[in-house]
Amino acid sequence: NLKGFIKIFLIILGFATGGASLLKI
């Protein structure tokens, strides 16, 4: 479960920053 949480943490970091840039583009 901790392993899954870390992966979700990484997913959020990527999609949050990259997703904002994608919309701005």
mmCIF file of all heavy atoms, coordinates in Angstrom:
data_MODEL
# 
_entry.id   MODEL 
# 
loop_
_atom_site.group_PDB 
_atom_site.id 
_atom_site.type_symbol 
_atom_site.label_atom_id 
_atom_site.label_alt_id 
_atom_site.label_comp_id 
_atom_site.label_asym_id 
_atom_site.label_entity_id 
_atom_site.label_seq_id 
_atom_site.pdbx_PDB_ins_code 
_atom_site.Cartn_x 
_atom_site.Cartn_y 
_atom_site.Cartn_z 
_atom_site.occupancy 
_atom_site.B_iso_or_equiv 
_atom_site.pdbx_formal_charge 
_atom_site.auth_seq_id 
_atom_site.auth_comp_id 
_atom_site.auth_asym_id 
_atom_site.auth_atom_id 
_atom_site.pdbx_PDB_model_num 
ATOM 1   N N   . ASN A 1 1  ? 0.826  -1.207 0.000   1.00 0.00 ? 1  ASN A N   1 
ATOM 2   C CA  . ASN A 1 1  ? 0.000  0.000  0.000   1.00 0.00 ? 1  ASN A CA  1 
ATOM 3   C C   . ASN A 1 1  ? 0.859  1.256  0.000   1.00 0.00 ? 1  ASN A C   1 
ATOM 4   O O   . ASN A 1 1  ? 0.539  2.245  -0.672  1.00 0.00 ? 1  ASN A O   1 
ATOM 5   C CB  . ASN A 1 1  ? -0.954 0.016  1.200   1.00 0.00 ? 1  ASN A CB  1 
ATOM 6   C CG  . ASN A 1 1  ? -2.255 0.714  0.874   1.00 0.00 ? 1  ASN A CG  1 
ATOM 7   O OD1 . ASN A 1 1  ? -2.762 0.633  -0.255  1.00 0.00 ? 1  ASN A OD1 1 
ATOM 8   N ND2 . ASN A 1 1  ? -2.818 1.411  1.844   1.00 0.00 ? 1  ASN A ND2 1 
ATOM 9   N N   . LEU A 1 2  ? 1.957  1.231  0.741   1.00 0.00 ? 2  LEU A N   1 
ATOM 10  C CA  . LEU A 1 2  ? 2.893  2.350  0.719   1.00 0.00 ? 2  LEU A CA  1 
ATOM 11  C C   . LEU A 1 2  ? 3.510  2.478  -0.665  1.00 0.00 ? 2  LEU A C   1 
ATOM 12  O O   . LEU A 1 2  ? 3.689  3.593  -1.183  1.00 0.00 ? 2  LEU A O   1 
ATOM 13  C CB  . LEU A 1 2  ? 3.987  2.157  1.772   1.00 0.00 ? 2  LEU A CB  1 
ATOM 14  C CG  . LEU A 1 2  ? 5.097  3.221  1.792   1.00 0.00 ? 2  LEU A CG  1 
ATOM 15  C CD1 . LEU A 1 2  ? 4.518  4.604  2.021   1.00 0.00 ? 2  LEU A CD1 1 
ATOM 16  C CD2 . LEU A 1 2  ? 6.144  2.882  2.853   1.00 0.00 ? 2  LEU A CD2 1 
ATOM 17  N N   . LYS A 1 3  ? 3.830  1.354  -1.277  1.00 0.00 ? 3  LYS A N   1 
ATOM 18  C CA  . LYS A 1 3  ? 4.375  1.353  -2.632  1.00 0.00 ? 3  LYS A CA  1 
ATOM 19  C C   . LYS A 1 3  ? 3.390  2.029  -3.592  1.00 0.00 ? 3  LYS A C   1 
ATOM 20  O O   . LYS A 1 3  ? 3.775  2.853  -4.424  1.00 0.00 ? 3  LYS A O   1 
ATOM 21  C CB  . LYS A 1 3  ? 4.653  -0.079 -3.081  1.00 0.00 ? 3  LYS A CB  1 
ATOM 22  C CG  . LYS A 1 3  ? 5.327  -0.196 -4.445  1.00 0.00 ? 3  LYS A CG  1 
ATOM 23  C CD  . LYS A 1 3  ? 5.522  -1.654 -4.839  1.00 0.00 ? 3  LYS A CD  1 
ATOM 24  C CE  . LYS A 1 3  ? 6.494  -2.366 -3.926  1.00 0.00 ? 3  LYS A CE  1 
ATOM 25  N NZ  . LYS A 1 3  ? 6.781  -3.749 -4.386  1.00 0.00 ? 3  LYS A NZ  1 
ATOM 26  N N   . GLY A 1 4  ? 2.112  1.673  -3.462  1.00 0.00 ? 4  GLY A N   1 
ATOM 27  C CA  . GLY A 1 4  ? 1.093  2.277  -4.312  1.00 0.00 ? 4  GLY A CA  1 
ATOM 28  C C   . GLY A 1 4  ? 0.946  3.761  -4.058  1.00 0.00 ? 4  GLY A C   1 
ATOM 29  O O   . GLY A 1 4  ? 0.756  4.553  -4.998  1.00 0.00 ? 4  GLY A O   1 
ATOM 30  N N   . PHE A 1 5  ? 1.039  4.173  -2.786  1.00 0.00 ? 5  PHE A N   1 
ATOM 31  C CA  . PHE A 1 5  ? 0.925  5.595  -2.446  1.00 0.00 ? 5  PHE A CA  1 
ATOM 32  C C   . PHE A 1 5  ? 2.073  6.392  -3.060  1.00 0.00 ? 5  PHE A C   1 
ATOM 33  O O   . PHE A 1 5  ? 1.861  7.496  -3.574  1.00 0.00 ? 5  PHE A O   1 
ATOM 34  C CB  . PHE A 1 5  ? 0.924  5.778  -0.931  1.00 0.00 ? 5  PHE A CB  1 
ATOM 35  C CG  . PHE A 1 5  ? 0.750  7.203  -0.492  1.00 0.00 ? 5  PHE A CG  1 
ATOM 36  C CD1 . PHE A 1 5  ? -0.509 7.780  -0.460  1.00 0.00 ? 5  PHE A CD1 1 
ATOM 37  C CD2 . PHE A 1 5  ? 1.848  7.965  -0.125  1.00 0.00 ? 5  PHE A CD2 1 
ATOM 38  C CE1 . PHE A 1 5  ? -0.668 9.106  -0.066  1.00 0.00 ? 5  PHE A CE1 1 
ATOM 39  C CE2 . PHE A 1 5  ? 1.704  9.285  0.272   1.00 0.00 ? 5  PHE A CE2 1 
ATOM 40  C CZ  . PHE A 1 5  ? 0.437  9.871  0.308   1.00 0.00 ? 5  PHE A CZ  1 
ATOM 41  N N   . ILE A 1 6  ? 3.286  5.847  -3.001  1.00 0.00 ? 6  ILE A N   1 
ATOM 42  C CA  . ILE A 1 6  ? 4.441  6.530  -3.594  1.00 0.00 ? 6  ILE A CA  1 
ATOM 43  C C   . ILE A 1 6  ? 4.229  6.710  -5.091  1.00 0.00 ? 6  ILE A C   1 
ATOM 44  O O   . ILE A 1 6  ? 4.508  7.782  -5.653  1.00 0.00 ? 6  ILE A O   1 
ATOM 45  C CB  . ILE A 1 6  ? 5.737  5.747  -3.322  1.00 0.00 ? 6  ILE A CB  1 
ATOM 46  C CG1 . ILE A 1 6  ? 6.048  5.741  -1.829  1.00 0.00 ? 6  ILE A CG1 1 
ATOM 47  C CG2 . ILE A 1 6  ? 6.907  6.354  -4.100  1.00 0.00 ? 6  ILE A CG2 1 
ATOM 48  C CD1 . ILE A 1 6  ? 7.195  4.832  -1.432  1.00 0.00 ? 6  ILE A CD1 1 
ATOM 49  N N   . LYS A 1 7  ? 3.726  5.680  -5.743  1.00 0.00 ? 7  LYS A N   1 
ATOM 50  C CA  . LYS A 1 7  ? 3.481  5.766  -7.184  1.00 0.00 ? 7  LYS A CA  1 
ATOM 51  C C   . LYS A 1 7  ? 2.428  6.822  -7.500  1.00 0.00 ? 7  LYS A C   1 
ATOM 52  O O   . LYS A 1 7  ? 2.574  7.600  -8.458  1.00 0.00 ? 7  LYS A O   1 
ATOM 53  C CB  . LYS A 1 7  ? 3.045  4.404  -7.725  1.00 0.00 ? 7  LYS A CB  1 
ATOM 54  C CG  . LYS A 1 7  ? 4.137  3.348  -7.687  1.00 0.00 ? 7  LYS A CG  1 
ATOM 55  C CD  . LYS A 1 7  ? 3.628  1.996  -8.187  1.00 0.00 ? 7  LYS A CD  1 
ATOM 56  C CE  . LYS A 1 7  ? 4.692  0.922  -8.074  1.00 0.00 ? 7  LYS A CE  1 
ATOM 57  N NZ  . LYS A 1 7  ? 4.219  -0.387 -8.571  1.00 0.00 ? 7  LYS A NZ  1 
ATOM 58  N N   . ILE A 1 8  ? 1.378  6.877  -6.701  1.00 0.00 ? 8  ILE A N   1 
ATOM 59  C CA  . ILE A 1 8  ? 0.342  7.895  -6.905  1.00 0.00 ? 8  ILE A CA  1 
ATOM 60  C C   . ILE A 1 8  ? 0.909  9.284  -6.660  1.00 0.00 ? 8  ILE A C   1 
ATOM 61  O O   . ILE A 1 8  ? 0.586  10.233 -7.384  1.00 0.00 ? 8  ILE A O   1 
ATOM 62  C CB  . ILE A 1 8  ? -0.871 7.612  -5.992  1.00 0.00 ? 8  ILE A CB  1 
ATOM 63  C CG1 . ILE A 1 8  ? -1.649 6.423  -6.551  1.00 0.00 ? 8  ILE A CG1 1 
ATOM 64  C CG2 . ILE A 1 8  ? -1.771 8.838  -5.873  1.00 0.00 ? 8  ILE A CG2 1 
ATOM 65  C CD1 . ILE A 1 8  ? -2.805 5.957  -5.703  1.00 0.00 ? 8  ILE A CD1 1 
ATOM 66  N N   . PHE A 1 9  ? 1.770  9.413  -5.675  1.00 0.00 ? 9  PHE A N   1 
ATOM 67  C CA  . PHE A 1 9  ? 2.452  10.687 -5.403  1.00 0.00 ? 9  PHE A CA  1 
ATOM 68  C C   . PHE A 1 9  ? 3.239  11.126 -6.633  1.00 0.00 ? 9  PHE A C   1 
ATOM 69  O O   . PHE A 1 9  ? 3.172  12.291 -7.050  1.00 0.00 ? 9  PHE A O   1 
ATOM 70  C CB  . PHE A 1 9  ? 3.384  10.512 -4.206  1.00 0.00 ? 9  PHE A CB  1 
ATOM 71  C CG  . PHE A 1 9  ? 4.117  11.754 -3.799  1.00 0.00 ? 9  PHE A CG  1 
ATOM 72  C CD1 . PHE A 1 9  ? 3.509  12.698 -2.999  1.00 0.00 ? 9  PHE A CD1 1 
ATOM 73  C CD2 . PHE A 1 9  ? 5.424  11.972 -4.222  1.00 0.00 ? 9  PHE A CD2 1 
ATOM 74  C CE1 . PHE A 1 9  ? 4.190  13.859 -2.618  1.00 0.00 ? 9  PHE A CE1 1 
ATOM 75  C CE2 . PHE A 1 9  ? 6.115  13.117 -3.854  1.00 0.00 ? 9  PHE A CE2 1 
ATOM 76  C CZ  . PHE A 1 9  ? 5.493  14.064 -3.049  1.00 0.00 ? 9  PHE A CZ  1 
ATOM 77  N N   . LEU A 1 10 ? 3.961  10.196 -7.246  1.00 0.00 ? 10 LEU A N   1 
ATOM 78  C CA  . LEU A 1 10 ? 4.738  10.496 -8.445  1.00 0.00 ? 10 LEU A CA  1 
ATOM 79  C C   . LEU A 1 10 ? 3.833  10.834 -9.629  1.00 0.00 ? 10 LEU A C   1 
ATOM 80  O O   . LEU A 1 10 ? 4.131  11.736 -10.427 1.00 0.00 ? 10 LEU A O   1 
ATOM 81  C CB  . LEU A 1 10 ? 5.632  9.308  -8.806  1.00 0.00 ? 10 LEU A CB  1 
ATOM 82  C CG  . LEU A 1 10 ? 6.723  8.950  -7.791  1.00 0.00 ? 10 LEU A CG  1 
ATOM 83  C CD1 . LEU A 1 10 ? 7.377  7.616  -8.163  1.00 0.00 ? 10 LEU A CD1 1 
ATOM 84  C CD2 . LEU A 1 10 ? 7.771  10.051 -7.718  1.00 0.00 ? 10 LEU A CD2 1 
ATOM 85  N N   . ILE A 1 11 ? 2.727  10.126 -9.754  1.00 0.00 ? 11 ILE A N   1 
ATOM 86  C CA  . ILE A 1 11 ? 1.761  10.382 -10.826 1.00 0.00 ? 11 ILE A CA  1 
ATOM 87  C C   . ILE A 1 11 ? 1.201  11.790 -10.708 1.00 0.00 ? 11 ILE A C   1 
ATOM 88  O O   . ILE A 1 11 ? 1.117  12.537 -11.693 1.00 0.00 ? 11 ILE A O   1 
ATOM 89  C CB  . ILE A 1 11 ? 0.621  9.341  -10.785 1.00 0.00 ? 11 ILE A CB  1 
ATOM 90  C CG1 . ILE A 1 11 ? 1.135  7.973  -11.234 1.00 0.00 ? 11 ILE A CG1 1 
ATOM 91  C CG2 . ILE A 1 11 ? -0.553 9.774  -11.678 1.00 0.00 ? 11 ILE A CG2 1 
ATOM 92  C CD1 . ILE A 1 11 ? 0.176  6.828  -10.941 1.00 0.00 ? 11 ILE A CD1 1 
ATOM 93  N N   . ILE A 1 12 ? 0.836  12.168 -9.489  1.00 0.00 ? 12 ILE A N   1 
ATOM 94  C CA  . ILE A 1 12 ? 0.273  13.499 -9.261  1.00 0.00 ? 12 ILE A CA  1 
ATOM 95  C C   . ILE A 1 12 ? 1.285  14.582 -9.596  1.00 0.00 ? 12 ILE A C   1 
ATOM 96  O O   . ILE A 1 12 ? 0.950  15.579 -10.253 1.00 0.00 ? 12 ILE A O   1 
ATOM 97  C CB  . ILE A 1 12 ? -0.205 13.641 -7.802  1.00 0.00 ? 12 ILE A CB  1 
ATOM 98  C CG1 . ILE A 1 12 ? -1.405 12.728 -7.551  1.00 0.00 ? 12 ILE A CG1 1 
ATOM 99  C CG2 . ILE A 1 12 ? -0.568 15.091 -7.487  1.00 0.00 ? 12 ILE A CG2 1 
ATOM 100 C CD1 . ILE A 1 12 ? -1.824 12.655 -6.097  1.00 0.00 ? 12 ILE A CD1 1 
ATOM 101 N N   . LEU A 1 13 ? 2.531  14.405 -9.173  1.00 0.00 ? 13 LEU A N   1 
ATOM 102 C CA  . LEU A 1 13 ? 3.568  15.399 -9.455  1.00 0.00 ? 13 LEU A CA  1 
ATOM 103 C C   . LEU A 1 13 ? 3.720  15.619 -10.965 1.00 0.00 ? 13 LEU A C   1 
ATOM 104 O O   . LEU A 1 13 ? 3.800  16.754 -11.438 1.00 0.00 ? 13 LEU A O   1 
ATOM 105 C CB  . LEU A 1 13 ? 4.909  14.960 -8.867  1.00 0.00 ? 13 LEU A CB  1 
ATOM 106 C CG  . LEU A 1 13 ? 5.092  15.081 -7.357  1.00 0.00 ? 13 LEU A CG  1 
ATOM 107 C CD1 . LEU A 1 13 ? 6.502  14.639 -6.970  1.00 0.00 ? 13 LEU A CD1 1 
ATOM 108 C CD2 . LEU A 1 13 ? 4.847  16.514 -6.892  1.00 0.00 ? 13 LEU A CD2 1 
ATOM 109 N N   . GLY A 1 14 ? 3.775  14.527 -11.715 1.00 0.00 ? 14 GLY A N   1 
ATOM 110 C CA  . GLY A 1 14 ? 3.953  14.637 -13.155 1.00 0.00 ? 14 GLY A CA  1 
ATOM 111 C C   . GLY A 1 14 ? 2.769  15.254 -13.856 1.00 0.00 ? 14 GLY A C   1 
ATOM 112 O O   . GLY A 1 14 ? 2.909  16.205 -14.635 1.00 0.00 ? 14 GLY A O   1 
ATOM 113 N N   . PHE A 1 15 ? 1.583  14.724 -13.575 1.00 0.00 ? 15 PHE A N   1 
ATOM 114 C CA  . PHE A 1 15 ? 0.388  15.202 -14.265 1.00 0.00 ? 15 PHE A CA  1 
ATOM 115 C C   . PHE A 1 15 ? -0.012 16.611 -13.828 1.00 0.00 ? 15 PHE A C   1 
ATOM 116 O O   . PHE A 1 15 ? -0.569 17.370 -14.627 1.00 0.00 ? 15 PHE A O   1 
ATOM 117 C CB  . PHE A 1 15 ? -0.774 14.236 -14.035 1.00 0.00 ? 15 PHE A CB  1 
ATOM 118 C CG  . PHE A 1 15 ? -0.774 13.066 -14.972 1.00 0.00 ? 15 PHE A CG  1 
ATOM 119 C CD1 . PHE A 1 15 ? -0.077 11.899 -14.652 1.00 0.00 ? 15 PHE A CD1 1 
ATOM 120 C CD2 . PHE A 1 15 ? -1.436 13.114 -16.185 1.00 0.00 ? 15 PHE A CD2 1 
ATOM 121 C CE1 . PHE A 1 15 ? -0.068 10.817 -15.520 1.00 0.00 ? 15 PHE A CE1 1 
ATOM 122 C CE2 . PHE A 1 15 ? -1.426 12.035 -17.052 1.00 0.00 ? 15 PHE A CE2 1 
ATOM 123 C CZ  . PHE A 1 15 ? -0.744 10.885 -16.731 1.00 0.00 ? 15 PHE A CZ  1 
ATOM 124 N N   . ALA A 1 16 ? 0.245  16.973 -12.580 1.00 0.00 ? 16 ALA A N   1 
ATOM 125 C CA  . ALA A 1 16 ? -0.123 18.304 -12.099 1.00 0.00 ? 16 ALA A CA  1 
ATOM 126 C C   . ALA A 1 16 ? 0.712  19.389 -12.779 1.00 0.00 ? 16 ALA A C   1 
ATOM 127 O O   . ALA A 1 16 ? 0.178  20.388 -13.269 1.00 0.00 ? 16 ALA A O   1 
ATOM 128 C CB  . ALA A 1 16 ? 0.033  18.383 -10.587 1.00 0.00 ? 16 ALA A CB  1 
ATOM 129 N N   . THR A 1 17 ? 2.023  19.196 -12.812 1.00 0.00 ? 17 THR A N   1 
ATOM 130 C CA  . THR A 1 17 ? 2.889  20.201 -13.437 1.00 0.00 ? 17 THR A CA  1 
ATOM 131 C C   . THR A 1 17 ? 2.816  20.137 -14.965 1.00 0.00 ? 17 THR A C   1 
ATOM 132 O O   . THR A 1 17 ? 2.674  21.155 -15.631 1.00 0.00 ? 17 THR A O   1 
ATOM 133 C CB  . THR A 1 17 ? 4.345  20.019 -12.981 1.00 0.00 ? 17 THR A CB  1 
ATOM 134 O OG1 . THR A 1 17 ? 4.747  18.662 -13.206 1.00 0.00 ? 17 THR A OG1 1 
ATOM 135 C CG2 . THR A 1 17 ? 4.497  20.327 -11.504 1.00 0.00 ? 17 THR A CG2 1 
ATOM 136 N N   . GLY A 1 18 ? 2.879  18.921 -15.514 1.00 0.00 ? 18 GLY A N   1 
ATOM 137 C CA  . GLY A 1 18 ? 2.823  18.773 -16.964 1.00 0.00 ? 18 GLY A CA  1 
ATOM 138 C C   . GLY A 1 18 ? 1.452  19.093 -17.537 1.00 0.00 ? 18 GLY A C   1 
ATOM 139 O O   . GLY A 1 18 ? 1.334  19.682 -18.618 1.00 0.00 ? 18 GLY A O   1 
ATOM 140 N N   . GLY A 1 19 ? 0.404  18.716 -16.796 1.00 0.00 ? 19 GLY A N   1 
ATOM 141 C CA  . GLY A 1 19 ? -0.954 18.996 -17.264 1.00 0.00 ? 19 GLY A CA  1 
ATOM 142 C C   . GLY A 1 19 ? -1.229 20.479 -17.351 1.00 0.00 ? 19 GLY A C   1 
ATOM 143 O O   . GLY A 1 19 ? -1.888 20.947 -18.298 1.00 0.00 ? 19 GLY A O   1 
ATOM 144 N N   . ALA A 1 20 ? -0.737 21.247 -16.382 1.00 0.00 ? 20 ALA A N   1 
ATOM 145 C CA  . ALA A 1 20 ? -0.913 22.699 -16.415 1.00 0.00 ? 20 ALA A CA  1 
ATOM 146 C C   . ALA A 1 20 ? -0.222 23.283 -17.643 1.00 0.00 ? 20 ALA A C   1 
ATOM 147 O O   . ALA A 1 20 ? -0.773 24.152 -18.328 1.00 0.00 ? 20 ALA A O   1 
ATOM 148 C CB  . ALA A 1 20 ? -0.360 23.320 -15.141 1.00 0.00 ? 20 ALA A CB  1 
ATOM 149 N N   . SER A 1 21 ? 0.986  22.798 -17.930 1.00 0.00 ? 21 SER A N   1 
ATOM 150 C CA  . SER A 1 21 ? 1.712  23.290 -19.102 1.00 0.00 ? 21 SER A CA  1 
ATOM 151 C C   . SER A 1 21 ? 0.982  22.917 -20.403 1.00 0.00 ? 21 SER A C   1 
ATOM 152 O O   . SER A 1 21 ? 0.919  23.714 -21.340 1.00 0.00 ? 21 SER A O   1 
ATOM 153 C CB  . SER A 1 21 ? 3.135  22.692 -19.132 1.00 0.00 ? 21 SER A CB  1 
ATOM 154 O OG  . SER A 1 21 ? 3.867  23.102 -18.004 1.00 0.00 ? 21 SER A OG  1 
ATOM 155 N N   . LEU A 1 22 ? 0.415  21.729 -20.438 1.00 0.00 ? 22 LEU A N   1 
ATOM 156 C CA  . LEU A 1 22 ? -0.301 21.274 -21.635 1.00 0.00 ? 22 LEU A CA  1 
ATOM 157 C C   . LEU A 1 22 ? -1.506 22.150 -21.920 1.00 0.00 ? 22 LEU A C   1 
ATOM 158 O O   . LEU A 1 22 ? -1.778 22.540 -23.065 1.00 0.00 ? 22 LEU A O   1 
ATOM 159 C CB  . LEU A 1 22 ? -0.734 19.814 -21.450 1.00 0.00 ? 22 LEU A CB  1 
ATOM 160 C CG  . LEU A 1 22 ? -1.383 19.132 -22.654 1.00 0.00 ? 22 LEU A CG  1 
ATOM 161 C CD1 . LEU A 1 22 ? -0.438 19.110 -23.853 1.00 0.00 ? 22 LEU A CD1 1 
ATOM 162 C CD2 . LEU A 1 22 ? -1.794 17.699 -22.279 1.00 0.00 ? 22 LEU A CD2 1 
ATOM 163 N N   . LEU A 1 23 ? -2.260 22.501 -20.866 1.00 0.00 ? 23 LEU A N   1 
ATOM 164 C CA  . LEU A 1 23 ? -3.415 23.378 -21.040 1.00 0.00 ? 23 LEU A CA  1 
ATOM 165 C C   . LEU A 1 23 ? -2.987 24.777 -21.460 1.00 0.00 ? 23 LEU A C   1 
ATOM 166 O O   . LEU A 1 23 ? -3.645 25.415 -22.306 1.00 0.00 ? 23 LEU A O   1 
ATOM 167 C CB  . LEU A 1 23 ? -4.223 23.443 -19.745 1.00 0.00 ? 23 LEU A CB  1 
ATOM 168 C CG  . LEU A 1 23 ? -4.922 22.155 -19.311 1.00 0.00 ? 23 LEU A CG  1 
ATOM 169 C CD1 . LEU A 1 23 ? -5.712 22.395 -18.025 1.00 0.00 ? 23 LEU A CD1 1 
ATOM 170 C CD2 . LEU A 1 23 ? -5.840 21.620 -20.405 1.00 0.00 ? 23 LEU A CD2 1 
ATOM 171 N N   . LYS A 1 24 ? -1.892 25.257 -20.905 1.00 0.00 ? 24 LYS A N   1 
ATOM 172 C CA  . LYS A 1 24 ? -1.396 26.584 -21.266 1.00 0.00 ? 24 LYS A CA  1 
ATOM 173 C C   . LYS A 1 24 ? -0.948 26.634 -22.722 1.00 0.00 ? 24 LYS A C   1 
ATOM 174 O O   . LYS A 1 24 ? -1.123 27.648 -23.414 1.00 0.00 ? 24 LYS A O   1 
ATOM 175 C CB  . LYS A 1 24 ? -0.241 26.992 -20.341 1.00 0.00 ? 24 LYS A CB  1 
ATOM 176 C CG  . LYS A 1 24 ? -0.663 27.258 -18.905 1.00 0.00 ? 24 LYS A CG  1 
ATOM 177 C CD  . LYS A 1 24 ? 0.529  27.500 -18.017 1.00 0.00 ? 24 LYS A CD  1 
ATOM 178 C CE  . LYS A 1 24 ? 0.109  27.650 -16.551 1.00 0.00 ? 24 LYS A CE  1 
ATOM 179 N NZ  . LYS A 1 24 ? 1.290  27.822 -15.649 1.00 0.00 ? 24 LYS A NZ  1 
ATOM 180 N N   . ILE A 1 25 ? -0.404 25.523 -23.206 1.00 0.00 ? 25 ILE A N   1 
ATOM 181 C CA  . ILE A 1 25 ? -0.021 25.436 -24.612 1.00 0.00 ? 25 ILE A CA  1 
ATOM 182 C C   . ILE A 1 25 ? -1.244 25.554 -25.499 1.00 0.00 ? 25 ILE A C   1 
ATOM 183 O O   . ILE A 1 25 ? -1.235 26.231 -26.534 1.00 0.00 ? 25 ILE A O   1 
ATOM 184 C CB  . ILE A 1 25 ? 0.732  24.118 -24.886 1.00 0.00 ? 25 ILE A CB  1 
ATOM 185 C CG1 . ILE A 1 25 ? 2.152  24.192 -24.305 1.00 0.00 ? 25 ILE A CG1 1 
ATOM 186 C CG2 . ILE A 1 25 ? 0.791  23.803 -26.385 1.00 0.00 ? 25 ILE A CG2 1 
ATOM 187 C CD1 . ILE A 1 25 ? 2.903  22.895 -24.314 1.00 0.00 ? 25 ILE A CD1 1 
# 
